[in-house]
C-alpha cells in the first residue's frame, strides 16, 4: 500500500473485501450493518435505517414500498460523522437501494463535504464474475492490486474444488431458494449460479438477474426437492420466527421437500446475501445441504439448520 488511507465502508461485503485484502487497519468508519470481521465492531457508524429493521418481513416490505413511492431513501448517511472521519476512500454499492446505502445517498453526502477529495468505489455485482470484478476494483482503489488478484485466485480455487466434486453427484436436486418470506421472493443474482455449482438446479431466479417475486401456488406447483430459506438480513433465529407465515399456508405440508425433511434455514445475514470473500462459505453451505453426507465443512448449526 503506497500511503496509509482512511477508508469508510458502507457495505458489509465491501468491509469483508477490505479486510481480506489486509487493509482492515485503514478502516475508520462503517455502516450499521457491517459486523464482520469482529474487529470492525468498534468503528464509528455513519449510516442508519429509516425503517424499522426489527419489524416483521411483511412490515419491512410495506415500509420499503412506501419509501419507494415517496422517492425516499431507506437509509440516512450521517454527513457530520462522515466529515469528521476525513475518508480518502468510501466503498458503497449501486445494486440495491434496499440492501444497503445507495451510491446516490453517498454522492449526496460527499457533495456536502466541501473541499473533499474522496475516491468513491461502487460495488455492483449480480453474478460471481462480477464479485471478482468488485474485489479488483476495491484492491485497485486501495493500491493493493496484486493482493486482489491473489485473493481472487484463492477463492476461485476453492469454488472449483467444490464444483468438481458436486458435478459428479447424481441426481441434481431441484431447489427453491427463498430470499424473502412475506411476501415470497426467490433468490436471484449470484445465488442461482452458486446452486448450480453446488450440484443443484435452481427453479427460480437467473444468474445475473434481480431476485423475482414468487407466489406460493407457483412454489407448490413446482414442488421442489429442496427448499432453502436465506432471508436477506435475517439470521437463523430471525428466519425461524418469521417462518409460520409460510409454513402455515394451505398445501405447505404436502410439498415434497417438507415431506422428505429437506427444508433448510440458513443465516441469510452472514451468507448468501454478502457478495464478498465469504461467498465460498455460502457455496460450502449449499453443498452440505444439497448432498448430505458428501460434504462436511462444519457449517451445520451455525450457517444452516434443518427445519
C-alpha atoms as a PDB file:
ATOM      1  CA  UNK A   1       0.000   0.000   0.000  1.00  0.00           C
ATOM      2  CA  UNK A   2       1.657   3.258  -1.097  1.00  0.00           C
ATOM      3  CA  UNK A   3       0.236   5.571   1.570  1.00  0.00           C
ATOM      4  CA  UNK A   4      -1.993   4.931   4.584  1.00  0.00           C
ATOM      5  CA  UNK A   5      -5.579   5.649   3.598  1.00  0.00           C
ATOM      6  CA  UNK A   6      -8.711   6.344   5.581  1.00  0.00           C
ATOM      7  CA  UNK A   7     -11.451   4.010   4.399  1.00  0.00           C
ATOM      8  CA  UNK A   8     -15.177   4.135   5.126  1.00  0.00           C
ATOM      9  CA  UNK A   9     -17.171   1.076   4.052  1.00  0.00           C
ATOM     10  CA  UNK A  10     -20.939   1.328   3.715  1.00  0.00           C
ATOM     11  CA  UNK A  11     -21.491  -2.263   2.627  1.00  0.00           C
ATOM     12  CA  UNK A  12     -20.898  -5.423   4.705  1.00  0.00           C
ATOM     13  CA  UNK A  13     -19.411  -7.380   1.807  1.00  0.00           C
ATOM     14  CA  UNK A  14     -17.105  -4.469   0.974  1.00  0.00           C
ATOM     15  CA  UNK A  15     -15.907  -4.349   4.573  1.00  0.00           C
ATOM     16  CA  UNK A  16     -15.060  -8.036   4.273  1.00  0.00           C
ATOM     17  CA  UNK A  17     -13.248  -7.408   0.993  1.00  0.00           C
ATOM     18  CA  UNK A  18     -11.174  -4.630   2.562  1.00  0.00           C
ATOM     19  CA  UNK A  19     -10.270  -6.934   5.458  1.00  0.00           C
ATOM     20  CA  UNK A  20      -9.441  -9.859   3.169  1.00  0.00           C
ATOM     21  CA  UNK A  21      -7.093  -7.556   1.268  1.00  0.00           C
ATOM     22  CA  UNK A  22      -5.200  -6.926   4.503  1.00  0.00           C
ATOM     23  CA  UNK A  23      -6.406  -3.334   4.816  1.00  0.00           C
ATOM     24  CA  UNK A  24      -8.728  -3.566   7.830  1.00  0.00           C
ATOM     25  CA  UNK A  25      -6.410  -1.325   9.849  1.00  0.00           C
ATOM     26  CA  UNK A  26      -7.221   1.550   7.495  1.00  0.00           C
ATOM     27  CA  UNK A  27     -10.982   1.355   8.076  1.00  0.00           C
ATOM     28  CA  UNK A  28     -12.174   4.402  10.015  1.00  0.00           C
ATOM     29  CA  UNK A  29     -15.950   4.041   9.617  1.00  0.00           C
ATOM     30  CA  UNK A  30     -18.638   1.560   8.673  1.00  0.00           C
ATOM     31  CA  UNK A  31     -22.335   1.127   8.003  1.00  0.00           C
ATOM     32  CA  UNK A  32     -24.770  -0.001  10.689  1.00  0.00           C
ATOM     33  CA  UNK A  33     -24.793  -3.467   9.066  1.00  0.00           C
ATOM     34  CA  UNK A  34     -21.042  -4.071   8.821  1.00  0.00           C
ATOM     35  CA  UNK A  35     -20.288  -6.655  11.513  1.00  0.00           C
ATOM     36  CA  UNK A  36     -17.565  -8.916  10.113  1.00  0.00           C
ATOM     37  CA  UNK A  37     -14.734  -9.383  10.854  1.00  0.00           C
ATOM     38  CA  UNK A  38     -15.356  -8.768  14.527  1.00  0.00           C
ATOM     39  CA  UNK A  39     -12.717  -6.074  14.878  1.00  0.00           C
ATOM     40  CA  UNK A  40     -14.845  -3.628  12.856  1.00  0.00           C
ATOM     41  CA  UNK A  41     -17.492  -3.553  15.588  1.00  0.00           C
ATOM     42  CA  UNK A  42     -15.791  -0.665  17.363  1.00  0.00           C
ATOM     43  CA  UNK A  43     -15.662   1.587  14.302  1.00  0.00           C
ATOM     44  CA  UNK A  44     -17.876   4.693  14.108  1.00  0.00           C
ATOM     45  CA  UNK A  45     -21.199   4.067  12.347  1.00  0.00           C
ATOM     46  CA  UNK A  46     -22.050   6.502   9.559  1.00  0.00           C
ATOM     47  CA  UNK A  47     -25.428   5.174   8.389  1.00  0.00           C
ATOM     48  CA  UNK A  48     -28.741   4.242   9.937  1.00  0.00           C
ATOM     49  CA  UNK A  49     -32.016   2.811   8.623  1.00  0.00           C
ATOM     50  CA  UNK A  50     -35.130   4.932   8.295  1.00  0.00           C
ATOM     51  CA  UNK A  51     -37.322   1.859   8.554  1.00  0.00           C
ATOM     52  CA  UNK A  52     -37.874  -0.494  11.481  1.00  0.00           C
ATOM     53  CA  UNK A  53     -35.465  -3.312  10.668  1.00  0.00           C
ATOM     54  CA  UNK A  54     -36.772  -5.308  13.634  1.00  0.00           C
ATOM     55  CA  UNK A  55     -40.320  -5.441  12.260  1.00  0.00           C
ATOM     56  CA  UNK A  56     -41.837  -8.471  10.532  1.00  0.00           C
ATOM     57  CA  UNK A  57     -40.818  -9.194   6.953  1.00  0.00           C
ATOM     58  CA  UNK A  58     -44.266  -8.074   5.778  1.00  0.00           C
ATOM     59  CA  UNK A  59     -43.990  -4.770   7.653  1.00  0.00           C
ATOM     60  CA  UNK A  60     -40.440  -4.168   6.426  1.00  0.00           C
ATOM     61  CA  UNK A  61     -41.647  -4.729   2.874  1.00  0.00           C
ATOM     62  CA  UNK A  62     -44.537  -2.297   3.416  1.00  0.00           C
ATOM     63  CA  UNK A  63     -42.196   0.397   4.729  1.00  0.00           C
ATOM     64  CA  UNK A  64     -39.748  -0.118   1.867  1.00  0.00           C
ATOM     65  CA  UNK A  65     -42.532   0.119  -0.720  1.00  0.00           C
ATOM     66  CA  UNK A  66     -43.847   3.272   0.958  1.00  0.00           C
ATOM     67  CA  UNK A  67     -40.389   4.840   0.832  1.00  0.00           C
ATOM     68  CA  UNK A  68     -40.101   3.950  -2.853  1.00  0.00           C
ATOM     69  CA  UNK A  69     -43.483   5.510  -3.647  1.00  0.00           C
ATOM     70  CA  UNK A  70     -42.394   8.693  -1.895  1.00  0.00           C
ATOM     71  CA  UNK A  71     -38.992   8.639  -3.621  1.00  0.00           C
ATOM     72  CA  UNK A  72     -37.288   8.436  -0.235  1.00  0.00           C
ATOM     73  CA  UNK A  73     -34.118   6.578   0.699  1.00  0.00           C
ATOM     74  CA  UNK A  74     -34.338   3.668   3.124  1.00  0.00           C
ATOM     75  CA  UNK A  75     -31.151   4.858   4.851  1.00  0.00           C
ATOM     76  CA  UNK A  76     -29.642   8.043   6.237  1.00  0.00           C
ATOM     77  CA  UNK A  77     -25.959   8.916   5.974  1.00  0.00           C
ATOM     78  CA  UNK A  78     -24.549  10.813   8.941  1.00  0.00           C
ATOM     79  CA  UNK A  79     -22.750  13.527   6.995  1.00  0.00           C
ATOM     80  CA  UNK A  80     -21.325  15.153  10.125  1.00  0.00           C
ATOM     81  CA  UNK A  81     -19.764  11.873  11.226  1.00  0.00           C
ATOM     82  CA  UNK A  82     -18.553  11.189   7.705  1.00  0.00           C
ATOM     83  CA  UNK A  83     -16.896  14.601   7.539  1.00  0.00           C
ATOM     84  CA  UNK A  84     -15.197  14.099  10.896  1.00  0.00           C
ATOM     85  CA  UNK A  85     -13.673  10.819   9.693  1.00  0.00           C
ATOM     86  CA  UNK A  86     -11.970  12.543   6.725  1.00  0.00           C
ATOM     87  CA  UNK A  87     -12.101   9.489   4.431  1.00  0.00           C
ATOM     88  CA  UNK A  88      -9.893   9.135   1.371  1.00  0.00           C
ATOM     89  CA  UNK A  89     -11.923   6.193   0.071  1.00  0.00           C
ATOM     90  CA  UNK A  90     -15.610   5.382   0.521  1.00  0.00           C
ATOM     91  CA  UNK A  91     -16.831   1.975  -0.623  1.00  0.00           C
ATOM     92  CA  UNK A  92     -20.551   1.673  -1.312  1.00  0.00           C
ATOM     93  CA  UNK A  93     -22.862  -0.125  -3.759  1.00  0.00           C
ATOM     94  CA  UNK A  94     -25.064   0.555  -6.758  1.00  0.00           C
ATOM     95  CA  UNK A  95     -27.098  -2.650  -6.898  1.00  0.00           C
ATOM     96  CA  UNK A  96     -29.946  -2.477  -4.375  1.00  0.00           C
ATOM     97  CA  UNK A  97     -31.272   0.599  -2.559  1.00  0.00           C
ATOM     98  CA  UNK A  98     -32.941  -1.704  -0.005  1.00  0.00           C
ATOM     99  CA  UNK A  99     -29.956  -3.860   0.945  1.00  0.00           C
ATOM    100  CA  UNK A 100     -27.513  -1.070   1.798  1.00  0.00           C
ATOM    101  CA  UNK A 101     -26.786   2.626   1.473  1.00  0.00           C
ATOM    102  CA  UNK A 102     -27.007   3.536  -2.215  1.00  0.00           C
ATOM    103  CA  UNK A 103     -24.425   5.264  -4.381  1.00  0.00           C
ATOM    104  CA  UNK A 104     -26.807   8.209  -4.784  1.00  0.00           C
ATOM    105  CA  UNK A 105     -27.064   8.621  -0.999  1.00  0.00           C
ATOM    106  CA  UNK A 106     -23.285   8.653  -0.678  1.00  0.00           C
ATOM    107  CA  UNK A 107     -22.809  11.052  -3.583  1.00  0.00           C
ATOM    108  CA  UNK A 108     -25.199  13.488  -1.906  1.00  0.00           C
ATOM    109  CA  UNK A 109     -23.326  13.145   1.384  1.00  0.00           C
ATOM    110  CA  UNK A 110     -19.950  13.679  -0.281  1.00  0.00           C
ATOM    111  CA  UNK A 111     -21.276  16.795  -2.003  1.00  0.00           C
ATOM    112  CA  UNK A 112     -21.870  18.213   1.470  1.00  0.00           C
ATOM    113  CA  UNK A 113     -18.200  17.713   2.311  1.00  0.00           C
ATOM    114  CA  UNK A 114     -16.964  20.925   0.733  1.00  0.00           C
ATOM    115  CA  UNK A 115     -13.404  20.759  -0.475  1.00  0.00           C
ATOM    116  CA  UNK A 116     -13.360  16.991  -0.012  1.00  0.00           C
ATOM    117  CA  UNK A 117     -11.367  14.835  -2.417  1.00  0.00           C
ATOM    118  CA  UNK A 118     -12.826  11.388  -1.871  1.00  0.00           C
ATOM    119  CA  UNK A 119     -12.488   8.315  -4.069  1.00  0.00           C
ATOM    120  CA  UNK A 120     -15.927   6.692  -4.336  1.00  0.00           C
ATOM    121  CA  UNK A 121     -15.785   2.975  -5.116  1.00  0.00           C
ATOM    122  CA  UNK A 122     -19.125   1.419  -6.010  1.00  0.00           C
ATOM    123  CA  UNK A 123     -19.758  -2.339  -5.964  1.00  0.00           C
ATOM    124  CA  UNK A 124     -22.493  -3.682  -8.221  1.00  0.00           C
ATOM    125  CA  UNK A 125     -22.232  -7.478  -8.511  1.00  0.00           C
ATOM    126  CA  UNK A 126     -25.037  -9.568  -9.952  1.00  0.00           C
ATOM    127  CA  UNK A 127     -23.051 -12.757 -10.564  1.00  0.00           C
ATOM    128  CA  UNK A 128     -19.886 -14.478  -9.448  1.00  0.00           C
ATOM    129  CA  UNK A 129     -17.596 -12.970 -12.083  1.00  0.00           C
ATOM    130  CA  UNK A 130     -18.735  -9.502 -11.043  1.00  0.00           C
ATOM    131  CA  UNK A 131     -17.831 -10.221  -7.412  1.00  0.00           C
ATOM    132  CA  UNK A 132     -14.278 -10.777  -8.652  1.00  0.00           C
ATOM    133  CA  UNK A 133     -14.539  -7.507 -10.584  1.00  0.00           C
ATOM    134  CA  UNK A 134     -15.527  -5.688  -7.402  1.00  0.00           C
ATOM    135  CA  UNK A 135     -12.609  -7.199  -5.495  1.00  0.00           C
ATOM    136  CA  UNK A 136     -10.279  -5.944  -8.224  1.00  0.00           C
ATOM    137  CA  UNK A 137     -11.960  -2.530  -8.139  1.00  0.00           C
ATOM    138  CA  UNK A 138     -11.543  -2.184  -4.368  1.00  0.00           C
ATOM    139  CA  UNK A 139      -7.978  -3.527  -4.464  1.00  0.00           C
ATOM    140  CA  UNK A 140      -7.025  -1.033  -7.158  1.00  0.00           C
ATOM    141  CA  UNK A 141      -8.503   1.881  -5.182  1.00  0.00           C
ATOM    142  CA  UNK A 142      -6.514   0.816  -2.121  1.00  0.00           C
ATOM    143  CA  UNK A 143      -3.284   0.336  -4.035  1.00  0.00           C
ATOM    144  CA  UNK A 144      -3.108  -3.418  -3.464  1.00  0.00           C
ATOM    145  CA  UNK A 145      -3.896  -4.772  -6.930  1.00  0.00           C
ATOM    146  CA  UNK A 146      -1.613  -7.789  -6.511  1.00  0.00           C
ATOM    147  CA  UNK A 147      -3.335  -8.785  -3.275  1.00  0.00           C
ATOM    148  CA  UNK A 148      -6.682  -8.529  -5.039  1.00  0.00           C
ATOM    149  CA  UNK A 149      -5.605 -10.916  -7.785  1.00  0.00           C
ATOM    150  CA  UNK A 150      -4.180 -13.333  -5.222  1.00  0.00           C
ATOM    151  CA  UNK A 151      -7.420 -13.250  -3.221  1.00  0.00           C
ATOM    152  CA  UNK A 152      -9.475 -13.973  -6.329  1.00  0.00           C
ATOM    153  CA  UNK A 153      -7.175 -16.872  -7.213  1.00  0.00           C
ATOM    154  CA  UNK A 154      -7.676 -18.405  -3.745  1.00  0.00           C
ATOM    155  CA  UNK A 155     -11.454 -18.001  -3.838  1.00  0.00           C
ATOM    156  CA  UNK A 156     -11.697 -19.345  -7.381  1.00  0.00           C
ATOM    157  CA  UNK A 157      -9.617 -22.398  -6.488  1.00  0.00           C
ATOM    158  CA  UNK A 158     -11.861 -23.167  -3.505  1.00  0.00           C
ATOM    159  CA  UNK A 159     -15.007 -22.835  -5.609  1.00  0.00           C
ATOM    160  CA  UNK A 160     -13.638 -25.011  -8.399  1.00  0.00           C
ATOM    161  CA  UNK A 161     -12.719 -27.694  -5.867  1.00  0.00           C
ATOM    162  CA  UNK A 162     -16.294 -27.924  -4.591  1.00  0.00           C
ATOM    163  CA  UNK A 163     -17.790 -27.709  -8.065  1.00  0.00           C
ATOM    164  CA  UNK A 164     -15.603 -30.503  -9.430  1.00  0.00           C
ATOM    165  CA  UNK A 165     -16.862 -32.860  -6.714  1.00  0.00           C
ATOM    166  CA  UNK A 166     -20.502 -31.780  -6.909  1.00  0.00           C
ATOM    167  CA  UNK A 167     -20.536 -32.230 -10.676  1.00  0.00           C
ATOM    168  CA  UNK A 168     -20.120 -35.987 -10.237  1.00  0.00           C
ATOM    169  CA  UNK A 169     -23.095 -36.405  -7.887  1.00  0.00           C
ATOM    170  CA  UNK A 170     -26.451 -37.513  -9.279  1.00  0.00           C
ATOM    171  CA  UNK A 171     -29.307 -36.767  -9.217  1.00  0.00           C
ATOM    172  CA  UNK A 172     -29.273 -32.973  -9.202  1.00  0.00           C
ATOM    173  CA  UNK A 173     -31.990 -31.824  -6.780  1.00  0.00           C
ATOM    174  CA  UNK A 174     -34.444 -29.122  -7.829  1.00  0.00           C
ATOM    175  CA  UNK A 175     -34.006 -26.208  -5.441  1.00  0.00           C
ATOM    176  CA  UNK A 176     -36.208 -23.310  -4.382  1.00  0.00           C
ATOM    177  CA  UNK A 177     -34.128 -20.715  -2.569  1.00  0.00           C
ATOM    178  CA  UNK A 178     -36.245 -18.120  -0.759  1.00  0.00           C
ATOM    179  CA  UNK A 179     -34.737 -14.657  -0.224  1.00  0.00           C
ATOM    180  CA  UNK A 180     -37.757 -13.029   1.444  1.00  0.00           C
ATOM    181  CA  UNK A 181     -40.537 -14.705   3.392  1.00  0.00           C
ATOM    182  CA  UNK A 182     -43.505 -12.318   3.311  1.00  0.00           C
ATOM    183  CA  UNK A 183     -44.162 -11.622   0.512  1.00  0.00           C
ATOM    184  CA  UNK A 184     -42.293 -14.508  -1.063  1.00  0.00           C
ATOM    185  CA  UNK A 185     -39.250 -13.681  -3.135  1.00  0.00           C
ATOM    186  CA  UNK A 186     -36.885 -16.190  -4.721  1.00  0.00           C
ATOM    187  CA  UNK A 187     -33.124 -15.662  -4.703  1.00  0.00           C
ATOM    188  CA  UNK A 188     -31.561 -14.194  -7.819  1.00  0.00           C
ATOM    189  CA  UNK A 189     -28.273 -12.560  -8.781  1.00  0.00           C
ATOM    190  CA  UNK A 190     -25.344 -14.866  -7.883  1.00  0.00           C
ATOM    191  CA  UNK A 191     -27.375 -17.444  -5.915  1.00  0.00           C
ATOM    192  CA  UNK A 192     -28.722 -19.495  -8.879  1.00  0.00           C
ATOM    193  CA  UNK A 193     -25.147 -19.797 -10.134  1.00  0.00           C
ATOM    194  CA  UNK A 194     -23.958 -20.986  -6.726  1.00  0.00           C
ATOM    195  CA  UNK A 195     -26.768 -23.555  -6.594  1.00  0.00           C
ATOM    196  CA  UNK A 196     -25.660 -24.887  -9.974  1.00  0.00           C
ATOM    197  CA  UNK A 197     -22.011 -25.031  -8.908  1.00  0.00           C
ATOM    198  CA  UNK A 198     -23.060 -26.879  -5.736  1.00  0.00           C
ATOM    199  CA  UNK A 199     -24.749 -29.559  -7.829  1.00  0.00           C
ATOM    200  CA  UNK A 200     -28.366 -28.425  -7.805  1.00  0.00           C
ATOM    201  CA  UNK A 201     -30.893 -26.940 -10.219  1.00  0.00           C
ATOM    202  CA  UNK A 202     -32.338 -23.564  -9.279  1.00  0.00           C
ATOM    203  CA  UNK A 203     -36.048 -23.434 -10.071  1.00  0.00           C
ATOM    204  CA  UNK A 204     -36.328 -19.679  -9.704  1.00  0.00           C
ATOM    205  CA  UNK A 205     -34.155 -16.700 -10.433  1.00  0.00           C
ATOM    206  CA  UNK A 206     -31.497 -16.320 -13.091  1.00  0.00           C
ATOM    207  CA  UNK A 207     -27.813 -15.692 -12.606  1.00  0.00           C
ATOM    208  CA  UNK A 208     -27.166 -12.006 -13.101  1.00  0.00           C
ATOM    209  CA  UNK A 209     -30.838 -11.036 -12.777  1.00  0.00           C
ATOM    210  CA  UNK A 210     -32.643  -9.417  -9.858  1.00  0.00           C
ATOM    211  CA  UNK A 211     -34.483 -11.637  -7.383  1.00  0.00           C
ATOM    212  CA  UNK A 212     -38.049 -12.378  -8.587  1.00  0.00           C
ATOM    213  CA  UNK A 213     -41.262 -12.280  -6.582  1.00  0.00           C
ATOM    214  CA  UNK A 214     -42.867 -15.689  -6.108  1.00  0.00           C
ATOM    215  CA  UNK A 215     -46.426 -16.842  -5.460  1.00  0.00           C
ATOM    216  CA  UNK A 216     -46.915 -19.780  -3.108  1.00  0.00           C
ATOM    217  CA  UNK A 217     -49.112 -21.512  -5.703  1.00  0.00           C
ATOM    218  CA  UNK A 218     -46.167 -21.462  -8.110  1.00  0.00           C
ATOM    219  CA  UNK A 219     -43.927 -22.923  -5.416  1.00  0.00           C
ATOM    220  CA  UNK A 220     -46.459 -25.678  -4.746  1.00  0.00           C
ATOM    221  CA  UNK A 221     -46.812 -26.445  -8.450  1.00  0.00           C
ATOM    222  CA  UNK A 222     -43.043 -26.741  -8.914  1.00  0.00           C
ATOM    223  CA  UNK A 223     -42.852 -28.945  -5.794  1.00  0.00           C
ATOM    224  CA  UNK A 224     -39.068 -28.645  -5.294  1.00  0.00           C
ATOM    225  CA  UNK A 225     -36.881 -31.387  -3.869  1.00  0.00           C
ATOM    226  CA  UNK A 226     -35.196 -28.869  -1.559  1.00  0.00           C
ATOM    227  CA  UNK A 227     -36.357 -25.566  -0.071  1.00  0.00           C
ATOM    228  CA  UNK A 228     -33.717 -23.218   1.330  1.00  0.00           C
ATOM    229  CA  UNK A 229     -34.635 -20.144   3.341  1.00  0.00           C
ATOM    230  CA  UNK A 230     -31.940 -17.474   3.006  1.00  0.00           C
ATOM    231  CA  UNK A 231     -33.847 -14.357   4.028  1.00  0.00           C
ATOM    232  CA  UNK A 232     -31.895 -11.189   3.296  1.00  0.00           C
ATOM    233  CA  UNK A 233     -30.614  -9.620   6.504  1.00  0.00           C
ATOM    234  CA  UNK A 234     -32.095 -12.348   8.736  1.00  0.00           C
ATOM    235  CA  UNK A 235     -30.064 -14.758  10.824  1.00  0.00           C
ATOM    236  CA  UNK A 236     -31.369 -18.243  11.616  1.00  0.00           C
ATOM    237  CA  UNK A 237     -33.403 -17.366  14.757  1.00  0.00           C
ATOM    238  CA  UNK A 238     -34.983 -14.390  12.988  1.00  0.00           C
ATOM    239  CA  UNK A 239     -35.970 -16.512   9.992  1.00  0.00           C
ATOM    240  CA  UNK A 240     -37.358 -19.263  12.214  1.00  0.00           C
ATOM    241  CA  UNK A 241     -39.519 -16.681  13.975  1.00  0.00           C
ATOM    242  CA  UNK A 242     -40.873 -15.493  10.608  1.00  0.00           C
ATOM    243  CA  UNK A 243     -41.498 -18.922   9.094  1.00  0.00           C
ATOM    244  CA  UNK A 244     -45.023 -19.605  10.451  1.00  0.00           C
ATOM    245  CA  UNK A 245     -46.396 -17.186   7.860  1.00  0.00           C
ATOM    246  CA  UNK A 246     -45.073 -19.613   5.228  1.00  0.00           C
ATOM    247  CA  UNK A 247     -45.394 -22.965   6.968  1.00  0.00           C
ATOM    248  CA  UNK A 248     -48.990 -22.155   7.917  1.00  0.00           C
ATOM    249  CA  UNK A 249     -50.141 -21.884   4.306  1.00  0.00           C
ATOM    250  CA  UNK A 250     -52.556 -24.466   2.934  1.00  0.00           C
ATOM    251  CA  UNK A 251     -50.557 -27.013   0.997  1.00  0.00           C
ATOM    252  CA  UNK A 252     -47.246 -26.457   2.782  1.00  0.00           C
ATOM    253  CA  UNK A 253     -47.315 -29.850   4.478  1.00  0.00           C
ATOM    254  CA  UNK A 254     -47.929 -31.522   1.115  1.00  0.00           C
ATOM    255  CA  UNK A 255     -44.749 -30.229  -0.503  1.00  0.00           C
ATOM    256  CA  UNK A 256     -42.174 -32.893  -1.367  1.00  0.00           C
ATOM    257  CA  UNK A 257     -39.377 -31.035   0.430  1.00  0.00           C
ATOM    258  CA  UNK A 258     -41.481 -30.816   3.590  1.00  0.00           C
ATOM    259  CA  UNK A 259     -42.484 -34.481   3.494  1.00  0.00           C
ATOM    260  CA  UNK A 260     -38.867 -35.530   2.904  1.00  0.00           C
ATOM    261  CA  UNK A 261     -37.455 -33.295   5.637  1.00  0.00           C
ATOM    262  CA  UNK A 262     -35.492 -31.224   3.147  1.00  0.00           C
ATOM    263  CA  UNK A 263     -36.386 -27.693   4.202  1.00  0.00           C
ATOM    264  CA  UNK A 264     -33.392 -25.750   5.478  1.00  0.00           C
ATOM    265  CA  UNK A 265     -32.994 -22.378   7.165  1.00  0.00           C
ATOM    266  CA  UNK A 266     -29.718 -20.551   6.638  1.00  0.00           C
ATOM    267  CA  UNK A 267     -28.057 -17.455   8.043  1.00  0.00           C
ATOM    268  CA  UNK A 268     -29.046 -15.097   5.260  1.00  0.00           C
ATOM    269  CA  UNK A 269     -27.451 -12.189   7.059  1.00  0.00           C
ATOM    270  CA  UNK A 270     -23.897 -13.521   7.137  1.00  0.00           C
ATOM    271  CA  UNK A 271     -24.085 -15.625   3.972  1.00  0.00           C
ATOM    272  CA  UNK A 272     -25.958 -15.772   0.637  1.00  0.00           C
ATOM    273  CA  UNK A 273     -26.596 -12.014   0.548  1.00  0.00           C
ATOM    274  CA  UNK A 274     -22.980 -10.877   1.011  1.00  0.00           C
ATOM    275  CA  UNK A 275     -21.136 -10.893  -2.320  1.00  0.00           C
ATOM    276  CA  UNK A 276     -17.625 -10.909  -0.922  1.00  0.00           C
ATOM    277  CA  UNK A 277     -14.935 -13.382   0.164  1.00  0.00           C
ATOM    278  CA  UNK A 278     -17.382 -15.485   2.187  1.00  0.00           C
ATOM    279  CA  UNK A 279     -19.238 -16.379  -0.986  1.00  0.00           C
ATOM    280  CA  UNK A 280     -17.106 -19.531  -0.725  1.00  0.00           C
ATOM    281  CA  UNK A 281     -18.720 -20.346   2.634  1.00  0.00           C
ATOM    282  CA  UNK A 282     -22.124 -19.867   1.018  1.00  0.00           C
ATOM    283  CA  UNK A 283     -21.180 -22.433  -1.617  1.00  0.00           C
ATOM    284  CA  UNK A 284     -19.982 -24.785   1.127  1.00  0.00           C
ATOM    285  CA  UNK A 285     -23.342 -24.431   2.906  1.00  0.00           C
ATOM    286  CA  UNK A 286     -25.196 -25.216  -0.312  1.00  0.00           C
ATOM    287  CA  UNK A 287     -23.022 -28.282  -0.939  1.00  0.00           C
ATOM    288  CA  UNK A 288     -23.675 -29.582   2.590  1.00  0.00           C
ATOM    289  CA  UNK A 289     -27.429 -29.042   2.201  1.00  0.00           C
ATOM    290  CA  UNK A 290     -27.828 -30.445  -1.301  1.00  0.00           C
ATOM    291  CA  UNK A 291     -25.631 -33.507  -0.783  1.00  0.00           C
ATOM    292  CA  UNK A 292     -25.978 -34.730   2.825  1.00  0.00           C
ATOM    293  CA  UNK A 293     -23.025 -36.823   3.903  1.00  0.00           C
ATOM    294  CA  UNK A 294     -20.949 -35.958   0.841  1.00  0.00           C
ATOM    295  CA  UNK A 295     -19.639 -32.602   2.050  1.00  0.00           C
ATOM    296  CA  UNK A 296     -18.749 -31.624   5.605  1.00  0.00           C
ATOM    297  CA  UNK A 297     -17.395 -28.114   6.089  1.00  0.00           C
ATOM    298  CA  UNK A 298     -18.766 -27.672   9.596  1.00  0.00           C
ATOM    299  CA  UNK A 299     -21.489 -25.108   8.860  1.00  0.00           C
ATOM    300  CA  UNK A 300     -24.433 -27.106  10.189  1.00  0.00           C
ATOM    301  CA  UNK A 301     -25.872 -25.463  13.280  1.00  0.00           C
ATOM    302  CA  UNK A 302     -24.242 -22.094  12.660  1.00  0.00           C
ATOM    303  CA  UNK A 303     -24.693 -21.465   8.935  1.00  0.00           C
ATOM    304  CA  UNK A 304     -27.750 -23.654   8.435  1.00  0.00           C
ATOM    305  CA  UNK A 305     -30.244 -25.884  10.220  1.00  0.00           C
ATOM    306  CA  UNK A 306     -32.800 -28.400   9.047  1.00  0.00           C
ATOM    307  CA  UNK A 307     -36.375 -27.328   9.731  1.00  0.00           C
END
